[in-house]
Amino acid sequence: MNATQTGLLAGLLLGIAVAVNGFPAFLVTLVLGAIGLLVGRVLDGELDVSGLLGRGRDR
């Protein structure tokens, strides 16, 4: 299991822990899953966020 899969699983599990109260909890699960996926992609090196963080390119 790579970091992307682990991050997605962690986000979904955190969301499921909250998801006992209907549709708003589903939205929380969806958001946490997306955040977990993004974090996993960054850790795998598949997503470059250096432009967002102000690092990377020298002018």
PDB file of N, CA and C in Angstrom:
ATOM      1  N   MET A   1       0.862  -1.172   0.000  1.00  0.00           N
ATOM      2  CA  MET A   1       0.000   0.000   0.000  1.00  0.00           C
ATOM      3  C   MET A   1       0.904   1.230   0.000  1.00  0.00           C
ATOM      4  N   ASN A   2       0.740   2.092  -0.999  1.00  0.00           N
ATOM      5  CA  ASN A   2       1.576   3.283  -1.071  1.00  0.00           C
ATOM      6  C   ASN A   2       0.959   4.423  -0.248  1.00  0.00           C
ATOM      7  N   ALA A   3       1.655   5.550  -0.220  1.00  0.00           N
ATOM      8  CA  ALA A   3       1.212   6.674   0.607  1.00  0.00           C
ATOM      9  C   ALA A   3      -0.109   7.262   0.127  1.00  0.00           C
ATOM     10  N   THR A   4      -0.353   7.222  -1.188  1.00  0.00           N
ATOM     11  CA  THR A   4      -1.619   7.743  -1.705  1.00  0.00           C
ATOM     12  C   THR A   4      -2.785   6.917  -1.184  1.00  0.00           C
ATOM     13  N   GLN A   5      -2.657   5.614  -1.263  1.00  0.00           N
ATOM     14  CA  GLN A   5      -3.716   4.728  -0.778  1.00  0.00           C
ATOM     15  C   GLN A   5      -3.884   4.842   0.728  1.00  0.00           C
ATOM     16  N   THR A   6      -2.777   4.948   1.435  1.00  0.00           N
ATOM     17  CA  THR A   6      -2.836   5.081   2.886  1.00  0.00           C
ATOM     18  C   THR A   6      -3.500   6.388   3.293  1.00  0.00           C
ATOM     19  N   GLY A   7      -3.154   7.468   2.597  1.00  0.00           N
ATOM     20  CA  GLY A   7      -3.758   8.770   2.899  1.00  0.00           C
ATOM     21  C   GLY A   7      -5.253   8.773   2.624  1.00  0.00           C
ATOM     22  N   LEU A   8      -5.654   8.175   1.497  1.00  0.00           N
ATOM     23  CA  LEU A   8      -7.073   8.089   1.170  1.00  0.00           C
ATOM     24  C   LEU A   8      -7.803   7.247   2.208  1.00  0.00           C
ATOM     25  N   LEU A   9      -7.243   6.124   2.578  1.00  0.00           N
ATOM     26  CA  LEU A   9      -7.866   5.261   3.580  1.00  0.00           C
ATOM     27  C   LEU A   9      -7.991   5.966   4.925  1.00  0.00           C
ATOM     28  N   ALA A  10      -6.953   6.689   5.320  1.00  0.00           N
ATOM     29  CA  ALA A  10      -6.996   7.415   6.593  1.00  0.00           C
ATOM     30  C   ALA A  10      -8.080   8.481   6.583  1.00  0.00           C
ATOM     31  N   GLY A  11      -8.163   9.229   5.494  1.00  0.00           N
ATOM     32  CA  GLY A  11      -9.193  10.251   5.389  1.00  0.00           C
ATOM     33  C   GLY A  11     -10.590   9.661   5.426  1.00  0.00           C
ATOM     34  N   LEU A  12     -10.783   8.557   4.716  1.00  0.00           N
ATOM     35  CA  LEU A  12     -12.101   7.920   4.702  1.00  0.00           C
ATOM     36  C   LEU A  12     -12.466   7.337   6.076  1.00  0.00           C
ATOM     37  N   LEU A  13     -11.496   6.744   6.738  1.00  0.00           N
ATOM     38  CA  LEU A  13     -11.775   6.191   8.067  1.00  0.00           C
ATOM     39  C   LEU A  13     -12.113   7.289   9.075  1.00  0.00           C
ATOM     40  N   LEU A  14     -11.412   8.411   8.991  1.00  0.00           N
ATOM     41  CA  LEU A  14     -11.751   9.529   9.867  1.00  0.00           C
ATOM     42  C   LEU A  14     -13.153  10.044   9.560  1.00  0.00           C
ATOM     43  N   GLY A  15     -13.478  10.086   8.289  1.00  0.00           N
ATOM     44  CA  GLY A  15     -14.814  10.526   7.903  1.00  0.00           C
ATOM     45  C   GLY A  15     -15.895   9.564   8.360  1.00  0.00           C
ATOM     46  N   ILE A  16     -15.628   8.273   8.248  1.00  0.00           N
ATOM     47  CA  ILE A  16     -16.604   7.273   8.679  1.00  0.00           C
ATOM     48  C   ILE A  16     -16.844   7.377  10.185  1.00  0.00           C
ATOM     49  N   ALA A  17     -15.798   7.704  10.925  1.00  0.00           N
ATOM     50  CA  ALA A  17     -15.955   7.880  12.367  1.00  0.00           C
ATOM     51  C   ALA A  17     -16.929   9.016  12.679  1.00  0.00           C
ATOM     52  N   VAL A  18     -16.996   9.995  11.794  1.00  0.00           N
ATOM     53  CA  VAL A  18     -17.896  11.131  11.981  1.00  0.00           C
ATOM     54  C   VAL A  18     -19.262  10.863  11.348  1.00  0.00           C
ATOM     55  N   ALA A  19     -19.297   9.953  10.378  1.00  0.00           N
ATOM     56  CA  ALA A  19     -20.460   9.778   9.507  1.00  0.00           C
ATOM     57  C   ALA A  19     -21.581   8.937  10.127  1.00  0.00           C
ATOM     58  N   VAL A  20     -22.021   9.310  11.251  1.00  0.00           N
ATOM     59  CA  VAL A  20     -23.153   8.616  11.863  1.00  0.00           C
ATOM     60  C   VAL A  20     -24.384   9.507  11.911  1.00  0.00           C
ATOM     61  N   ASN A  21     -24.291  10.671  11.245  1.00  0.00           N
ATOM     62  CA  ASN A  21     -25.390  11.633  11.343  1.00  0.00           C
ATOM     63  C   ASN A  21     -25.924  12.110  10.006  1.00  0.00           C
ATOM     64  N   GLY A  22     -25.930  11.271   8.968  1.00  0.00           N
ATOM     65  CA  GLY A  22     -26.596  11.630   7.726  1.00  0.00           C
ATOM     66  C   GLY A  22     -25.743  12.347   6.698  1.00  0.00           C
ATOM     67  N   PHE A  23     -26.442  13.133   5.838  1.00  0.00           N
ATOM     68  CA  PHE A  23     -25.804  13.757   4.680  1.00  0.00           C
ATOM     69  C   PHE A  23     -24.681  14.723   5.027  1.00  0.00           C
ATOM     70  N   PRO A  24     -24.810  15.576   6.038  1.00  0.00           N
ATOM     71  CA  PRO A  24     -23.667  16.448   6.377  1.00  0.00           C
ATOM     72  C   PRO A  24     -22.412  15.640   6.729  1.00  0.00           C
ATOM     73  N   ALA A  25     -22.592  14.530   7.394  1.00  0.00           N
ATOM     74  CA  ALA A  25     -21.445  13.683   7.722  1.00  0.00           C
ATOM     75  C   ALA A  25     -20.864  13.047   6.460  1.00  0.00           C
ATOM     76  N   PHE A  26     -21.718  12.744   5.473  1.00  0.00           N
ATOM     77  CA  PHE A  26     -21.222  12.239   4.192  1.00  0.00           C
ATOM     78  C   PHE A  26     -20.318  13.270   3.538  1.00  0.00           C
ATOM     79  N   LEU A  27     -20.715  14.531   3.585  1.00  0.00           N
ATOM     80  CA  LEU A  27     -19.884  15.583   2.999  1.00  0.00           C
ATOM     81  C   LEU A  27     -18.547  15.695   3.731  1.00  0.00           C
ATOM     82  N   VAL A  28     -18.588  15.550   5.051  1.00  0.00           N
ATOM     83  CA  VAL A  28     -17.347  15.569   5.830  1.00  0.00           C
ATOM     84  C   VAL A  28     -16.460  14.403   5.397  1.00  0.00           C
ATOM     85  N   THR A  29     -17.043  13.229   5.196  1.00  0.00           N
ATOM     86  CA  THR A  29     -16.290  12.062   4.749  1.00  0.00           C
ATOM     87  C   THR A  29     -15.660  12.316   3.384  1.00  0.00           C
ATOM     88  N   LEU A  30     -16.415  12.904   2.493  1.00  0.00           N
ATOM     89  CA  LEU A  30     -15.918  13.207   1.158  1.00  0.00           C
ATOM     90  C   LEU A  30     -14.739  14.172   1.214  1.00  0.00           C
ATOM     91  N   VAL A  31     -14.866  15.211   2.015  1.00  0.00           N
ATOM     92  CA  VAL A  31     -13.790  16.203   2.133  1.00  0.00           C
ATOM     93  C   VAL A  31     -12.548  15.585   2.767  1.00  0.00           C
ATOM     94  N   LEU A  32     -12.731  14.819   3.830  1.00  0.00           N
ATOM     95  CA  LEU A  32     -11.584  14.192   4.489  1.00  0.00           C
ATOM     96  C   LEU A  32     -10.906  13.180   3.571  1.00  0.00           C
ATOM     97  N   GLY A  33     -11.689  12.457   2.790  1.00  0.00           N
ATOM     98  CA  GLY A  33     -11.106  11.534   1.826  1.00  0.00           C
ATOM     99  C   GLY A  33     -10.280  12.254   0.778  1.00  0.00           C
ATOM    100  N   ALA A  34     -10.775  13.373   0.284  1.00  0.00           N
ATOM    101  CA  ALA A  34     -10.043  14.160  -0.703  1.00  0.00           C
ATOM    102  C   ALA A  34      -8.753  14.724  -0.116  1.00  0.00           C
ATOM    103  N   ILE A  35      -8.824  15.199   1.112  1.00  0.00           N
ATOM    104  CA  ILE A  35      -7.620  15.717   1.776  1.00  0.00           C
ATOM    105  C   ILE A  35      -6.605  14.599   1.969  1.00  0.00           C
ATOM    106  N   GLY A  36      -7.076  13.440   2.394  1.00  0.00           N
ATOM    107  CA  GLY A  36      -6.186  12.291   2.555  1.00  0.00           C
ATOM    108  C   GLY A  36      -5.535  11.893   1.243  1.00  0.00           C
ATOM    109  N   LEU A  37      -6.308  11.925   0.163  1.00  0.00           N
ATOM    110  CA  LEU A  37      -5.765  11.599  -1.153  1.00  0.00           C
ATOM    111  C   LEU A  37      -4.691  12.599  -1.566  1.00  0.00           C
ATOM    112  N   LEU A  38      -4.944  13.882  -1.366  1.00  0.00           N
ATOM    113  CA  LEU A  38      -3.967  14.907  -1.727  1.00  0.00           C
ATOM    114  C   LEU A  38      -2.678  14.778  -0.919  1.00  0.00           C
ATOM    115  N   VAL A  39      -2.807  14.544   0.366  1.00  0.00           N
ATOM    116  CA  VAL A  39      -1.628  14.382   1.215  1.00  0.00           C
ATOM    117  C   VAL A  39      -0.828  13.163   0.773  1.00  0.00           C
ATOM    118  N   GLY A  40      -1.518  12.080   0.466  1.00  0.00           N
ATOM    119  CA  GLY A  40      -0.835  10.877  -0.003  1.00  0.00           C
ATOM    120  C   GLY A  40      -0.109  11.107  -1.313  1.00  0.00           C
ATOM    121  N   ARG A  41      -0.734  11.839  -2.230  1.00  0.00           N
ATOM    122  CA  ARG A  41      -0.089  12.140  -3.520  1.00  0.00           C
ATOM    123  C   ARG A  41       1.155  12.998  -3.322  1.00  0.00           C
ATOM    124  N   VAL A  42       1.091  13.948  -2.394  1.00  0.00           N
ATOM    125  CA  VAL A  42       2.264  14.783  -2.111  1.00  0.00           C
ATOM    126  C   VAL A  42       3.381  13.920  -1.546  1.00  0.00           C
ATOM    127  N   LEU A  43       3.052  13.023  -0.632  1.00  0.00           N
ATOM    128  CA  LEU A  43       4.064  12.155  -0.032  1.00  0.00           C
ATOM    129  C   LEU A  43       4.667  11.192  -1.046  1.00  0.00           C
ATOM    130  N   ASP A  44       3.880  10.763  -2.027  1.00  0.00           N
ATOM    131  CA  ASP A  44       4.382   9.888  -3.084  1.00  0.00           C
ATOM    132  C   ASP A  44       5.187  10.651  -4.126  1.00  0.00           C
ATOM    133  N   GLY A  45       5.126  11.960  -4.104  1.00  0.00           N
ATOM    134  CA  GLY A  45       5.825  12.770  -5.089  1.00  0.00           C
ATOM    135  C   GLY A  45       5.070  12.897  -6.404  1.00  0.00           C
ATOM    136  N   GLU A  46       3.803  12.540  -6.418  1.00  0.00           N
ATOM    137  CA  GLU A  46       2.987  12.612  -7.627  1.00  0.00           C
ATOM    138  C   GLU A  46       2.321  13.981  -7.786  1.00  0.00           C
ATOM    139  N   LEU A  47       2.362  14.793  -6.745  1.00  0.00           N
ATOM    140  CA  LEU A  47       1.744  16.118  -6.783  1.00  0.00           C
ATOM    141  C   LEU A  47       2.751  17.115  -6.239  1.00  0.00           C
ATOM    142  N   ASP A  48       3.074  18.132  -7.043  1.00  0.00           N
ATOM    143  CA  ASP A  48       4.062  19.129  -6.656  1.00  0.00           C
ATOM    144  C   ASP A  48       3.352  20.377  -6.139  1.00  0.00           C
ATOM    145  N   VAL A  49       3.546  20.682  -4.881  1.00  0.00           N
ATOM    146  CA  VAL A  49       2.905  21.849  -4.276  1.00  0.00           C
ATOM    147  C   VAL A  49       3.907  22.959  -3.988  1.00  0.00           C
ATOM    148  N   SER A  50       5.109  22.854  -4.544  1.00  0.00           N
ATOM    149  CA  SER A  50       6.127  23.861  -4.259  1.00  0.00           C
ATOM    150  C   SER A  50       5.715  25.240  -4.761  1.00  0.00           C
ATOM    151  N   GLY A  51       4.949  25.304  -5.844  1.00  0.00           N
ATOM    152  CA  GLY A  51       4.465  26.590  -6.344  1.00  0.00           C
ATOM    153  C   GLY A  51       3.480  27.241  -5.390  1.00  0.00           C
ATOM    154  N   LEU A  52       2.686  26.433  -4.733  1.00  0.00           N
ATOM    155  CA  LEU A  52       1.719  26.962  -3.779  1.00  0.00           C
ATOM    156  C   LEU A  52       2.374  27.416  -2.482  1.00  0.00           C
ATOM    157  N   LEU A  53       3.474  26.760  -2.144  1.00  0.00           N
ATOM    158  CA  LEU A  53       4.155  27.078  -0.895  1.00  0.00           C
ATOM    159  C   LEU A  53       5.200  28.177  -1.053  1.00  0.00           C
ATOM    160  N   GLY A  54       5.407  28.653  -2.287  1.00  0.00           N
ATOM    161  CA  GLY A  54       6.354  29.733  -2.517  1.00  0.00           C
ATOM    162  C   GLY A  54       7.771  29.254  -2.649  1.00  0.00           C
ATOM    163  N   ARG A  55       7.980  27.940  -2.764  1.00  0.00           N
ATOM    164  CA  ARG A  55       9.307  27.397  -2.948  1.00  0.00           C
ATOM    165  C   ARG A  55       9.395  26.796  -4.336  1.00  0.00           C
ATOM    166  N   GLY A  56      10.598  26.491  -4.739  1.00  0.00           N
ATOM    167  CA  GLY A  56      10.755  25.799  -6.011  1.00  0.00           C
ATOM    168  C   GLY A  56      11.494  26.637  -7.032  1.00  0.00           C
ATOM    169  N   ARG A  57      10.783  27.431  -7.793  1.00  0.00           N
ATOM    170  CA  ARG A  57      11.405  28.186  -8.885  1.00  0.00           C
ATOM    171  C   ARG A  57      12.109  29.430  -8.356  1.00  0.00           C
ATOM    172  N   ASP A  58      13.314  29.625  -8.863  1.00  0.00           N
ATOM    173  CA  ASP A  58      14.051  30.859  -8.562  1.00  0.00           C
ATOM    174  C   ASP A  58      13.825  31.831  -9.704  1.00  0.00           C
ATOM    175  N   ARG A  59      13.618  33.076  -9.384  1.00  0.00           N
ATOM    176  CA  ARG A  59      13.412  34.074 -10.440  1.00  0.00           C
ATOM    177  C   ARG A  59      14.688  34.743 -10.799  1.00  0.00           C
TER     178      ARG A  59
END
